[in-house]
């Protein structure tokens, strides 16, 4: 099973990216194929529907999404919404890339939690015909520390992440099995 993770921050040391790296390790521990797209390291030009050809960085991201059976999208919460960097990346996507794929939404916020960004992200996923995982992960300001293995330091938050990722993997397996059965 192939999972693509997209880190939607352009900030060095972003909490949302650190959390996504932790999730990457959890998935690899389950022997899943993981592609990590860090939009800080893979800058994309501003989306324009008039562009005649895809920029190589956009092509790389689009191929990672197309090849995936499930997606995990992470964003910092800025002004009650997702980052402009992630929104720009999502503007390059179309329903044919995301339709029917499970998507786990992840956010980090300076306050207690980033629910507004998660709601906005799930709305975009619906418009791309993706399947929102019923779980989501939001890491608030008091949980921004990570242990030496890169996992959240707080035991409760670590358990929450493990549980949400487990449910996402189960959903991805079920949907992938349904697609294979339909072929």
N, C-alpha and C. Protein backbone atom coordinates (compact mmCIF):
# COMPACT_ATOMS: atom_id res chain seq x y z
N UNK A 1 0.85 -1.18 0.00
CA UNK A 1 0.00 0.00 0.00
C UNK A 1 0.89 1.24 0.00
N UNK A 2 0.53 2.21 -0.83
CA UNK A 2 1.31 3.43 -0.97
C UNK A 2 0.57 4.62 -0.37
N UNK A 3 1.27 5.35 0.48
CA UNK A 3 0.72 6.54 1.13
C UNK A 3 1.61 7.73 0.79
N UNK A 4 0.99 8.84 0.38
CA UNK A 4 1.73 10.08 0.14
C UNK A 4 1.38 11.07 1.23
N UNK A 5 2.42 11.65 1.82
CA UNK A 5 2.27 12.66 2.86
C UNK A 5 2.73 14.00 2.28
N UNK A 6 1.94 15.03 2.50
CA UNK A 6 2.30 16.36 2.01
C UNK A 6 2.37 17.33 3.18
N UNK A 7 3.58 17.85 3.41
CA UNK A 7 3.83 18.83 4.48
C UNK A 7 3.61 20.22 3.91
N UNK A 8 2.58 20.90 4.40
CA UNK A 8 2.16 22.18 3.84
C UNK A 8 2.66 23.40 4.56
N UNK A 9 3.90 23.40 4.98
CA UNK A 9 4.48 24.58 5.61
C UNK A 9 5.79 24.92 4.93
N UNK A 10 6.11 26.20 4.87
CA UNK A 10 7.43 26.57 4.35
C UNK A 10 8.31 27.12 5.46
N UNK A 11 7.97 26.78 6.70
CA UNK A 11 8.74 27.21 7.86
C UNK A 11 9.73 26.13 8.28
N UNK A 12 10.96 26.50 8.47
CA UNK A 12 11.96 25.56 8.96
C UNK A 12 11.57 25.12 10.36
N UNK A 13 11.59 23.82 10.60
CA UNK A 13 11.25 23.28 11.92
C UNK A 13 9.78 23.37 12.25
N UNK A 14 8.91 23.42 11.25
CA UNK A 14 7.47 23.55 11.48
C UNK A 14 6.94 22.35 12.28
N UNK A 15 6.09 22.64 13.24
CA UNK A 15 5.49 21.59 14.05
C UNK A 15 4.66 20.64 13.19
N UNK A 16 3.92 21.17 12.22
CA UNK A 16 3.10 20.31 11.36
C UNK A 16 3.99 19.34 10.56
N UNK A 17 5.15 19.80 10.11
CA UNK A 17 6.07 18.92 9.39
C UNK A 17 6.69 17.90 10.33
N UNK A 18 7.04 18.32 11.54
CA UNK A 18 7.58 17.37 12.54
C UNK A 18 6.57 16.29 12.85
N UNK A 19 5.31 16.68 13.00
CA UNK A 19 4.26 15.69 13.27
C UNK A 19 4.11 14.74 12.09
N UNK A 20 4.19 15.26 10.89
CA UNK A 20 4.07 14.41 9.71
C UNK A 20 5.26 13.45 9.59
N UNK A 21 6.45 13.90 9.99
CA UNK A 21 7.62 13.00 10.00
C UNK A 21 7.41 11.86 11.01
N UNK A 22 6.79 12.18 12.14
CA UNK A 22 6.46 11.16 13.14
C UNK A 22 5.49 10.13 12.54
N UNK A 23 4.49 10.62 11.83
CA UNK A 23 3.52 9.73 11.17
C UNK A 23 4.20 8.90 10.10
N UNK A 24 5.14 9.49 9.39
CA UNK A 24 5.90 8.75 8.38
C UNK A 24 6.59 7.54 9.01
N UNK A 25 7.20 7.74 10.19
CA UNK A 25 7.88 6.63 10.88
C UNK A 25 6.88 5.56 11.30
N UNK A 26 5.70 5.97 11.77
CA UNK A 26 4.67 4.99 12.14
C UNK A 26 4.26 4.14 10.94
N UNK A 27 4.09 4.77 9.80
CA UNK A 27 3.70 4.05 8.59
C UNK A 27 4.80 3.11 8.11
N UNK A 28 6.03 3.58 8.15
CA UNK A 28 7.15 2.73 7.73
C UNK A 28 7.33 1.55 8.68
N UNK A 29 7.04 1.75 9.96
CA UNK A 29 7.10 0.64 10.93
C UNK A 29 6.09 -0.44 10.58
N UNK A 30 5.04 -0.07 9.83
CA UNK A 30 4.03 -1.04 9.38
C UNK A 30 4.36 -1.57 7.98
N UNK A 31 5.57 -1.25 7.51
CA UNK A 31 6.08 -1.71 6.21
C UNK A 31 5.23 -1.20 5.04
N UNK A 32 4.73 0.03 5.18
CA UNK A 32 3.98 0.65 4.10
C UNK A 32 4.93 1.51 3.26
N UNK A 33 4.62 1.63 2.00
CA UNK A 33 5.41 2.48 1.10
C UNK A 33 4.96 3.92 1.31
N UNK A 34 5.91 4.80 1.61
CA UNK A 34 5.60 6.18 1.94
C UNK A 34 6.40 7.13 1.05
N UNK A 35 5.71 8.12 0.50
CA UNK A 35 6.34 9.21 -0.22
C UNK A 35 6.07 10.48 0.56
N UNK A 36 7.13 11.21 0.91
CA UNK A 36 7.01 12.44 1.69
C UNK A 36 7.29 13.63 0.79
N UNK A 37 6.30 14.49 0.63
CA UNK A 37 6.45 15.70 -0.16
C UNK A 37 6.48 16.87 0.81
N UNK A 38 7.63 17.51 0.94
CA UNK A 38 7.80 18.66 1.82
C UNK A 38 7.79 19.91 0.95
N UNK A 39 6.70 20.67 1.03
CA UNK A 39 6.56 21.84 0.16
C UNK A 39 7.58 22.94 0.46
N UNK A 40 8.24 22.86 1.60
CA UNK A 40 9.33 23.80 1.89
C UNK A 40 10.55 23.46 1.02
N UNK A 41 10.78 22.17 0.82
CA UNK A 41 11.91 21.71 0.02
C UNK A 41 11.57 21.56 -1.46
N UNK A 42 10.28 21.54 -1.77
CA UNK A 42 9.82 21.38 -3.15
C UNK A 42 8.88 22.56 -3.47
N UNK A 43 9.45 23.76 -3.61
CA UNK A 43 8.58 24.93 -3.83
C UNK A 43 7.86 24.84 -5.17
N UNK A 44 6.60 25.25 -5.15
CA UNK A 44 5.78 25.22 -6.34
C UNK A 44 5.49 26.66 -6.80
N UNK A 45 5.48 26.89 -8.10
CA UNK A 45 5.07 28.21 -8.56
C UNK A 45 3.59 28.43 -8.22
N UNK A 46 3.18 29.70 -8.16
CA UNK A 46 1.77 29.98 -7.92
C UNK A 46 0.94 29.35 -9.03
N UNK A 47 -0.14 28.72 -8.61
CA UNK A 47 -1.02 28.05 -9.57
C UNK A 47 -1.62 29.05 -10.55
N UNK A 48 -1.66 28.68 -11.80
CA UNK A 48 -2.35 29.45 -12.83
C UNK A 48 -3.00 28.46 -13.79
N UNK A 49 -4.30 28.58 -14.01
CA UNK A 49 -4.95 27.67 -14.97
C UNK A 49 -4.47 27.90 -16.40
N UNK A 50 -3.76 29.00 -16.63
CA UNK A 50 -3.26 29.30 -17.97
C UNK A 50 -1.90 28.67 -18.27
N UNK A 51 -1.28 28.06 -17.27
CA UNK A 51 0.05 27.46 -17.48
C UNK A 51 -0.06 26.37 -18.54
N UNK A 52 0.89 26.39 -19.47
CA UNK A 52 0.86 25.42 -20.57
C UNK A 52 1.50 24.09 -20.21
N UNK A 53 2.46 24.11 -19.31
CA UNK A 53 3.14 22.89 -18.91
C UNK A 53 3.34 22.91 -17.40
N UNK A 54 3.39 21.72 -16.81
CA UNK A 54 3.62 21.63 -15.37
C UNK A 54 5.09 21.83 -15.04
N UNK A 55 5.36 22.64 -14.06
CA UNK A 55 6.70 22.82 -13.52
C UNK A 55 7.17 21.45 -13.01
N UNK A 56 8.47 21.13 -13.11
CA UNK A 56 8.96 19.82 -12.65
C UNK A 56 8.60 19.50 -11.19
N UNK A 57 8.61 20.50 -10.31
CA UNK A 57 8.23 20.24 -8.91
C UNK A 57 6.75 19.90 -8.80
N UNK A 58 5.93 20.55 -9.59
CA UNK A 58 4.50 20.24 -9.60
C UNK A 58 4.30 18.83 -10.14
N UNK A 59 5.00 18.50 -11.20
CA UNK A 59 4.89 17.16 -11.78
C UNK A 59 5.25 16.09 -10.76
N UNK A 60 6.30 16.33 -10.00
CA UNK A 60 6.73 15.36 -8.97
C UNK A 60 5.64 15.18 -7.92
N UNK A 61 5.03 16.28 -7.46
CA UNK A 61 3.98 16.19 -6.46
C UNK A 61 2.75 15.48 -7.03
N UNK A 62 2.35 15.86 -8.23
CA UNK A 62 1.17 15.26 -8.86
C UNK A 62 1.36 13.76 -9.04
N UNK A 63 2.54 13.34 -9.46
CA UNK A 63 2.82 11.91 -9.62
C UNK A 63 2.75 11.18 -8.29
N UNK A 64 3.25 11.80 -7.22
CA UNK A 64 3.19 11.17 -5.89
C UNK A 64 1.75 11.00 -5.44
N UNK A 65 0.90 11.97 -5.73
CA UNK A 65 -0.52 11.87 -5.37
C UNK A 65 -1.21 10.82 -6.23
N UNK A 66 -0.92 10.81 -7.53
CA UNK A 66 -1.53 9.84 -8.44
C UNK A 66 -1.18 8.40 -8.05
N UNK A 67 0.05 8.17 -7.62
CA UNK A 67 0.52 6.82 -7.27
C UNK A 67 0.00 6.33 -5.92
N UNK A 68 -0.49 7.24 -5.10
CA UNK A 68 -0.87 6.89 -3.73
C UNK A 68 -2.25 6.25 -3.66
N UNK A 69 -2.40 5.38 -2.67
CA UNK A 69 -3.73 4.82 -2.36
C UNK A 69 -4.38 5.61 -1.23
N UNK A 70 -3.59 6.41 -0.52
CA UNK A 70 -4.09 7.26 0.55
C UNK A 70 -3.20 8.46 0.71
N UNK A 71 -3.76 9.55 1.23
CA UNK A 71 -3.03 10.81 1.40
C UNK A 71 -3.14 11.30 2.83
N UNK A 72 -2.06 11.90 3.31
CA UNK A 72 -2.09 12.59 4.60
C UNK A 72 -1.58 14.00 4.33
N UNK A 73 -2.41 14.98 4.65
CA UNK A 73 -2.10 16.38 4.41
C UNK A 73 -1.92 17.10 5.73
N UNK A 74 -0.81 17.81 5.87
CA UNK A 74 -0.53 18.52 7.12
C UNK A 74 -0.35 20.00 6.85
N UNK A 75 -0.91 20.81 7.75
CA UNK A 75 -0.82 22.26 7.60
C UNK A 75 -0.69 22.94 8.95
N UNK A 76 0.02 24.06 9.00
CA UNK A 76 -0.11 24.92 10.17
C UNK A 76 -1.44 25.66 10.02
N UNK A 77 -2.00 26.11 11.13
CA UNK A 77 -3.21 26.92 11.03
C UNK A 77 -2.81 28.39 11.02
N UNK A 78 -3.14 29.06 9.93
CA UNK A 78 -2.87 30.48 9.79
C UNK A 78 -4.20 31.22 9.66
N UNK A 79 -4.49 32.12 10.58
CA UNK A 79 -5.69 32.94 10.52
C UNK A 79 -6.95 32.10 10.34
N UNK A 80 -7.02 30.97 11.02
CA UNK A 80 -8.20 30.12 10.98
C UNK A 80 -8.36 29.30 9.72
N UNK A 81 -7.27 29.11 8.97
CA UNK A 81 -7.37 28.33 7.74
C UNK A 81 -6.05 27.59 7.49
N UNK A 82 -5.95 26.98 6.32
CA UNK A 82 -4.75 26.25 5.94
C UNK A 82 -3.70 27.23 5.41
N UNK A 83 -2.48 26.77 5.31
CA UNK A 83 -1.40 27.62 4.79
C UNK A 83 -1.60 27.88 3.30
N UNK A 84 -1.11 29.02 2.86
CA UNK A 84 -1.15 29.34 1.43
C UNK A 84 -0.34 28.36 0.61
N UNK A 85 0.74 27.86 1.19
CA UNK A 85 1.60 26.90 0.50
C UNK A 85 0.82 25.63 0.18
N UNK A 86 0.07 25.11 1.15
CA UNK A 86 -0.72 23.89 0.92
C UNK A 86 -1.88 24.19 -0.02
N UNK A 87 -2.55 25.31 0.15
CA UNK A 87 -3.67 25.65 -0.73
C UNK A 87 -3.20 25.73 -2.17
N UNK A 88 -2.05 26.34 -2.41
CA UNK A 88 -1.49 26.42 -3.75
C UNK A 88 -1.25 25.02 -4.32
N UNK A 89 -0.70 24.12 -3.51
CA UNK A 89 -0.46 22.75 -3.96
C UNK A 89 -1.77 22.05 -4.30
N UNK A 90 -2.78 22.24 -3.48
CA UNK A 90 -4.07 21.60 -3.72
C UNK A 90 -4.74 22.16 -4.97
N UNK A 91 -4.46 23.41 -5.31
CA UNK A 91 -5.03 24.00 -6.52
C UNK A 91 -4.53 23.29 -7.78
N UNK A 92 -3.36 22.68 -7.71
CA UNK A 92 -2.83 21.93 -8.85
C UNK A 92 -3.51 20.56 -9.01
N UNK A 93 -4.23 20.13 -8.01
CA UNK A 93 -4.85 18.81 -8.06
C UNK A 93 -6.24 18.91 -8.67
N UNK A 94 -6.70 17.77 -9.17
CA UNK A 94 -8.05 17.69 -9.72
C UNK A 94 -8.68 16.40 -9.21
N UNK A 95 -9.98 16.30 -9.38
CA UNK A 95 -10.71 15.16 -8.83
C UNK A 95 -10.17 13.82 -9.30
N UNK A 96 -9.64 13.76 -10.52
CA UNK A 96 -9.10 12.49 -11.02
C UNK A 96 -7.91 11.99 -10.22
N UNK A 97 -7.20 12.89 -9.56
CA UNK A 97 -6.04 12.49 -8.74
C UNK A 97 -6.46 12.01 -7.36
N UNK A 98 -7.51 12.57 -6.80
CA UNK A 98 -7.86 12.36 -5.40
C UNK A 98 -9.12 11.52 -5.21
N UNK A 99 -9.98 11.45 -6.21
CA UNK A 99 -11.28 10.78 -6.07
C UNK A 99 -11.16 9.38 -5.51
N UNK A 100 -11.94 9.12 -4.47
CA UNK A 100 -12.01 7.80 -3.86
C UNK A 100 -10.87 7.45 -2.93
N UNK A 101 -9.89 8.34 -2.80
CA UNK A 101 -8.76 8.06 -1.92
C UNK A 101 -9.03 8.60 -0.52
N UNK A 102 -8.69 7.81 0.50
CA UNK A 102 -8.83 8.33 1.87
C UNK A 102 -7.79 9.40 2.15
N UNK A 103 -8.20 10.41 2.91
CA UNK A 103 -7.32 11.52 3.25
C UNK A 103 -7.41 11.79 4.74
N UNK A 104 -6.27 11.79 5.41
CA UNK A 104 -6.18 12.16 6.82
C UNK A 104 -5.67 13.58 6.89
N UNK A 105 -6.42 14.44 7.59
CA UNK A 105 -6.05 15.85 7.75
C UNK A 105 -5.35 16.05 9.08
N UNK A 106 -4.25 16.81 9.05
CA UNK A 106 -3.40 17.05 10.22
C UNK A 106 -3.11 18.54 10.29
N UNK A 107 -3.17 19.11 11.50
CA UNK A 107 -2.83 20.53 11.65
C UNK A 107 -2.05 20.77 12.94
N UNK A 108 -1.37 21.89 12.95
CA UNK A 108 -0.75 22.39 14.18
C UNK A 108 -1.20 23.83 14.34
N UNK A 109 -1.38 24.23 15.57
CA UNK A 109 -1.88 25.57 15.84
C UNK A 109 -1.13 26.18 17.01
N UNK A 110 -1.09 27.50 17.02
CA UNK A 110 -0.48 28.21 18.14
C UNK A 110 -1.37 28.19 19.38
N UNK A 111 -2.66 28.01 19.18
CA UNK A 111 -3.61 27.93 20.29
C UNK A 111 -3.84 26.49 20.69
N UNK A 112 -4.97 26.21 21.34
CA UNK A 112 -5.23 24.86 21.84
C UNK A 112 -5.30 23.79 20.75
N UNK A 113 -5.94 24.11 19.62
CA UNK A 113 -6.00 23.16 18.50
C UNK A 113 -6.46 23.89 17.24
N UNK A 114 -6.19 23.29 16.08
CA UNK A 114 -6.49 23.93 14.80
C UNK A 114 -7.69 23.35 14.09
N UNK A 115 -8.86 23.47 14.69
CA UNK A 115 -10.06 22.88 14.10
C UNK A 115 -10.47 23.59 12.82
N UNK A 116 -10.36 24.91 12.77
CA UNK A 116 -10.78 25.65 11.57
C UNK A 116 -9.99 25.21 10.34
N UNK A 117 -8.70 25.04 10.48
CA UNK A 117 -7.89 24.60 9.33
C UNK A 117 -8.29 23.19 8.90
N UNK A 118 -8.61 22.34 9.86
CA UNK A 118 -9.03 20.97 9.52
C UNK A 118 -10.36 20.98 8.76
N UNK A 119 -11.28 21.82 9.20
CA UNK A 119 -12.57 21.92 8.50
C UNK A 119 -12.38 22.43 7.08
N UNK A 120 -11.54 23.44 6.90
CA UNK A 120 -11.27 23.97 5.56
C UNK A 120 -10.61 22.90 4.69
N UNK A 121 -9.65 22.19 5.26
CA UNK A 121 -8.95 21.15 4.50
C UNK A 121 -9.92 20.05 4.08
N UNK A 122 -10.80 19.65 5.00
CA UNK A 122 -11.76 18.60 4.65
C UNK A 122 -12.75 19.07 3.58
N UNK A 123 -13.09 20.35 3.58
CA UNK A 123 -13.95 20.88 2.53
C UNK A 123 -13.28 20.79 1.17
N UNK A 124 -12.01 21.09 1.11
CA UNK A 124 -11.26 20.99 -0.15
C UNK A 124 -11.19 19.54 -0.60
N UNK A 125 -10.92 18.63 0.34
CA UNK A 125 -10.86 17.20 0.01
C UNK A 125 -12.20 16.73 -0.57
N UNK A 126 -13.32 17.16 0.02
CA UNK A 126 -14.64 16.80 -0.52
C UNK A 126 -14.80 17.30 -1.96
N UNK A 127 -14.34 18.52 -2.23
CA UNK A 127 -14.46 19.07 -3.57
C UNK A 127 -13.57 18.35 -4.57
N UNK A 128 -12.53 17.69 -4.09
CA UNK A 128 -11.67 16.87 -4.95
C UNK A 128 -12.15 15.42 -4.99
N UNK A 129 -13.29 15.14 -4.36
CA UNK A 129 -13.92 13.83 -4.32
C UNK A 129 -13.10 12.79 -3.56
N UNK A 130 -12.26 13.26 -2.64
CA UNK A 130 -11.54 12.36 -1.76
C UNK A 130 -12.45 11.90 -0.63
N UNK A 131 -12.00 10.90 0.11
CA UNK A 131 -12.77 10.36 1.23
C UNK A 131 -12.09 10.83 2.51
N UNK A 132 -12.74 11.76 3.21
CA UNK A 132 -12.17 12.25 4.46
C UNK A 132 -12.18 11.15 5.51
N UNK A 133 -11.04 10.90 6.11
CA UNK A 133 -10.97 9.97 7.23
C UNK A 133 -11.79 10.58 8.36
N UNK A 134 -12.61 9.78 9.06
CA UNK A 134 -13.40 10.34 10.15
C UNK A 134 -12.55 10.87 11.30
N UNK A 135 -11.31 10.46 11.36
CA UNK A 135 -10.38 10.97 12.36
C UNK A 135 -9.58 12.12 11.76
N UNK A 136 -9.07 12.97 12.62
CA UNK A 136 -8.13 14.01 12.22
C UNK A 136 -7.21 14.25 13.39
N UNK A 137 -6.12 14.94 13.14
CA UNK A 137 -5.16 15.20 14.20
C UNK A 137 -4.87 16.70 14.24
N UNK A 138 -4.98 17.28 15.41
CA UNK A 138 -4.60 18.67 15.61
C UNK A 138 -3.71 18.74 16.83
N UNK A 139 -2.57 19.34 16.67
CA UNK A 139 -1.62 19.47 17.76
C UNK A 139 -1.54 20.94 18.15
N UNK A 140 -1.93 21.23 19.39
CA UNK A 140 -1.94 22.61 19.87
C UNK A 140 -0.62 23.02 20.49
N UNK A 141 -0.55 24.27 20.87
CA UNK A 141 0.69 24.89 21.35
C UNK A 141 1.33 24.13 22.51
N UNK A 142 0.54 23.59 23.41
CA UNK A 142 1.13 22.91 24.57
C UNK A 142 1.70 21.53 24.21
N UNK A 143 1.52 21.08 22.97
CA UNK A 143 1.98 19.76 22.55
C UNK A 143 3.04 19.82 21.45
N UNK A 144 3.71 20.94 21.30
CA UNK A 144 4.65 21.13 20.21
C UNK A 144 6.02 20.50 20.44
N UNK A 145 6.21 19.74 21.50
CA UNK A 145 7.53 19.14 21.73
C UNK A 145 7.53 17.67 21.30
N UNK A 146 8.71 17.25 20.83
CA UNK A 146 8.88 15.90 20.32
C UNK A 146 10.07 15.25 21.02
N UNK A 147 10.00 13.92 21.21
CA UNK A 147 11.08 13.21 21.89
C UNK A 147 12.24 12.95 20.93
N UNK A 148 13.26 12.27 21.41
CA UNK A 148 14.46 12.03 20.60
C UNK A 148 14.19 11.14 19.39
N UNK A 149 13.09 10.38 19.41
CA UNK A 149 12.71 9.56 18.26
C UNK A 149 11.82 10.32 17.28
N UNK A 150 11.51 11.58 17.60
CA UNK A 150 10.70 12.40 16.71
C UNK A 150 9.21 12.26 16.89
N UNK A 151 8.77 11.60 17.96
CA UNK A 151 7.35 11.43 18.23
C UNK A 151 6.90 12.47 19.26
N UNK A 152 5.61 12.80 19.28
CA UNK A 152 5.14 13.76 20.30
C UNK A 152 5.56 13.32 21.70
N UNK A 153 6.06 14.27 22.49
CA UNK A 153 6.53 13.97 23.85
C UNK A 153 5.39 13.59 24.78
N UNK A 154 4.24 14.20 24.59
CA UNK A 154 3.10 13.93 25.45
C UNK A 154 2.51 12.54 25.12
N UNK A 155 2.40 11.71 26.14
CA UNK A 155 1.92 10.34 25.95
C UNK A 155 0.50 10.30 25.39
N UNK A 156 -0.37 11.17 25.87
CA UNK A 156 -1.75 11.23 25.38
C UNK A 156 -1.81 11.61 23.91
N UNK A 157 -1.02 12.60 23.53
CA UNK A 157 -0.99 13.02 22.12
C UNK A 157 -0.42 11.91 21.25
N UNK A 158 0.61 11.24 21.73
CA UNK A 158 1.21 10.13 20.99
C UNK A 158 0.16 9.04 20.75
N UNK A 159 -0.63 8.74 21.78
CA UNK A 159 -1.69 7.74 21.65
C UNK A 159 -2.76 8.19 20.65
N UNK A 160 -3.09 9.48 20.69
CA UNK A 160 -4.08 10.03 19.75
C UNK A 160 -3.59 9.90 18.31
N UNK A 161 -2.31 10.21 18.09
CA UNK A 161 -1.73 10.11 16.74
C UNK A 161 -1.73 8.65 16.30
N UNK A 162 -1.29 7.74 17.16
CA UNK A 162 -1.27 6.31 16.83
C UNK A 162 -2.66 5.81 16.44
N UNK A 163 -3.66 6.21 17.21
CA UNK A 163 -5.03 5.77 16.97
C UNK A 163 -5.55 6.31 15.64
N UNK A 164 -5.36 7.59 15.38
CA UNK A 164 -5.85 8.19 14.14
C UNK A 164 -5.16 7.59 12.92
N UNK A 165 -3.86 7.39 13.02
CA UNK A 165 -3.12 6.80 11.90
C UNK A 165 -3.58 5.35 11.68
N UNK A 166 -3.81 4.61 12.76
CA UNK A 166 -4.30 3.24 12.63
C UNK A 166 -5.64 3.18 11.92
N UNK A 167 -6.54 4.09 12.28
CA UNK A 167 -7.86 4.12 11.63
C UNK A 167 -7.75 4.54 10.17
N UNK A 168 -6.85 5.46 9.88
CA UNK A 168 -6.61 5.87 8.49
C UNK A 168 -6.08 4.68 7.67
N UNK A 169 -5.12 3.94 8.21
CA UNK A 169 -4.55 2.79 7.50
C UNK A 169 -5.65 1.74 7.26
N UNK A 170 -6.48 1.48 8.26
CA UNK A 170 -7.59 0.53 8.09
C UNK A 170 -8.53 0.98 6.97
N UNK A 171 -8.89 2.26 6.97
CA UNK A 171 -9.77 2.80 5.93
C UNK A 171 -9.12 2.67 4.56
N UNK A 172 -7.84 2.97 4.47
CA UNK A 172 -7.13 2.88 3.19
C UNK A 172 -7.13 1.44 2.69
N UNK A 173 -6.87 0.49 3.57
CA UNK A 173 -6.89 -0.93 3.17
C UNK A 173 -8.26 -1.35 2.66
N UNK A 174 -9.30 -0.94 3.37
CA UNK A 174 -10.66 -1.32 2.97
C UNK A 174 -11.03 -0.71 1.63
N UNK A 175 -10.72 0.56 1.44
CA UNK A 175 -11.05 1.19 0.16
C UNK A 175 -10.22 0.60 -0.97
N UNK A 176 -8.95 0.31 -0.73
CA UNK A 176 -8.09 -0.29 -1.76
C UNK A 176 -8.61 -1.69 -2.13
N UNK A 177 -9.05 -2.45 -1.13
CA UNK A 177 -9.59 -3.79 -1.40
C UNK A 177 -10.87 -3.69 -2.21
N UNK A 178 -11.69 -2.68 -1.93
CA UNK A 178 -12.92 -2.47 -2.69
C UNK A 178 -12.67 -2.12 -4.13
N UNK A 179 -11.64 -1.33 -4.38
CA UNK A 179 -11.27 -0.96 -5.74
C UNK A 179 -10.78 -2.20 -6.50
N UNK A 180 -9.93 -3.00 -5.84
CA UNK A 180 -9.41 -4.21 -6.49
C UNK A 180 -10.53 -5.18 -6.79
N UNK A 181 -11.51 -5.30 -5.89
CA UNK A 181 -12.62 -6.21 -6.10
C UNK A 181 -13.50 -5.76 -7.26
N UNK A 182 -13.57 -4.45 -7.48
CA UNK A 182 -14.40 -3.90 -8.55
C UNK A 182 -13.76 -4.04 -9.93
N UNK A 183 -12.44 -4.28 -9.95
CA UNK A 183 -11.74 -4.36 -11.26
C UNK A 183 -11.90 -5.70 -11.89
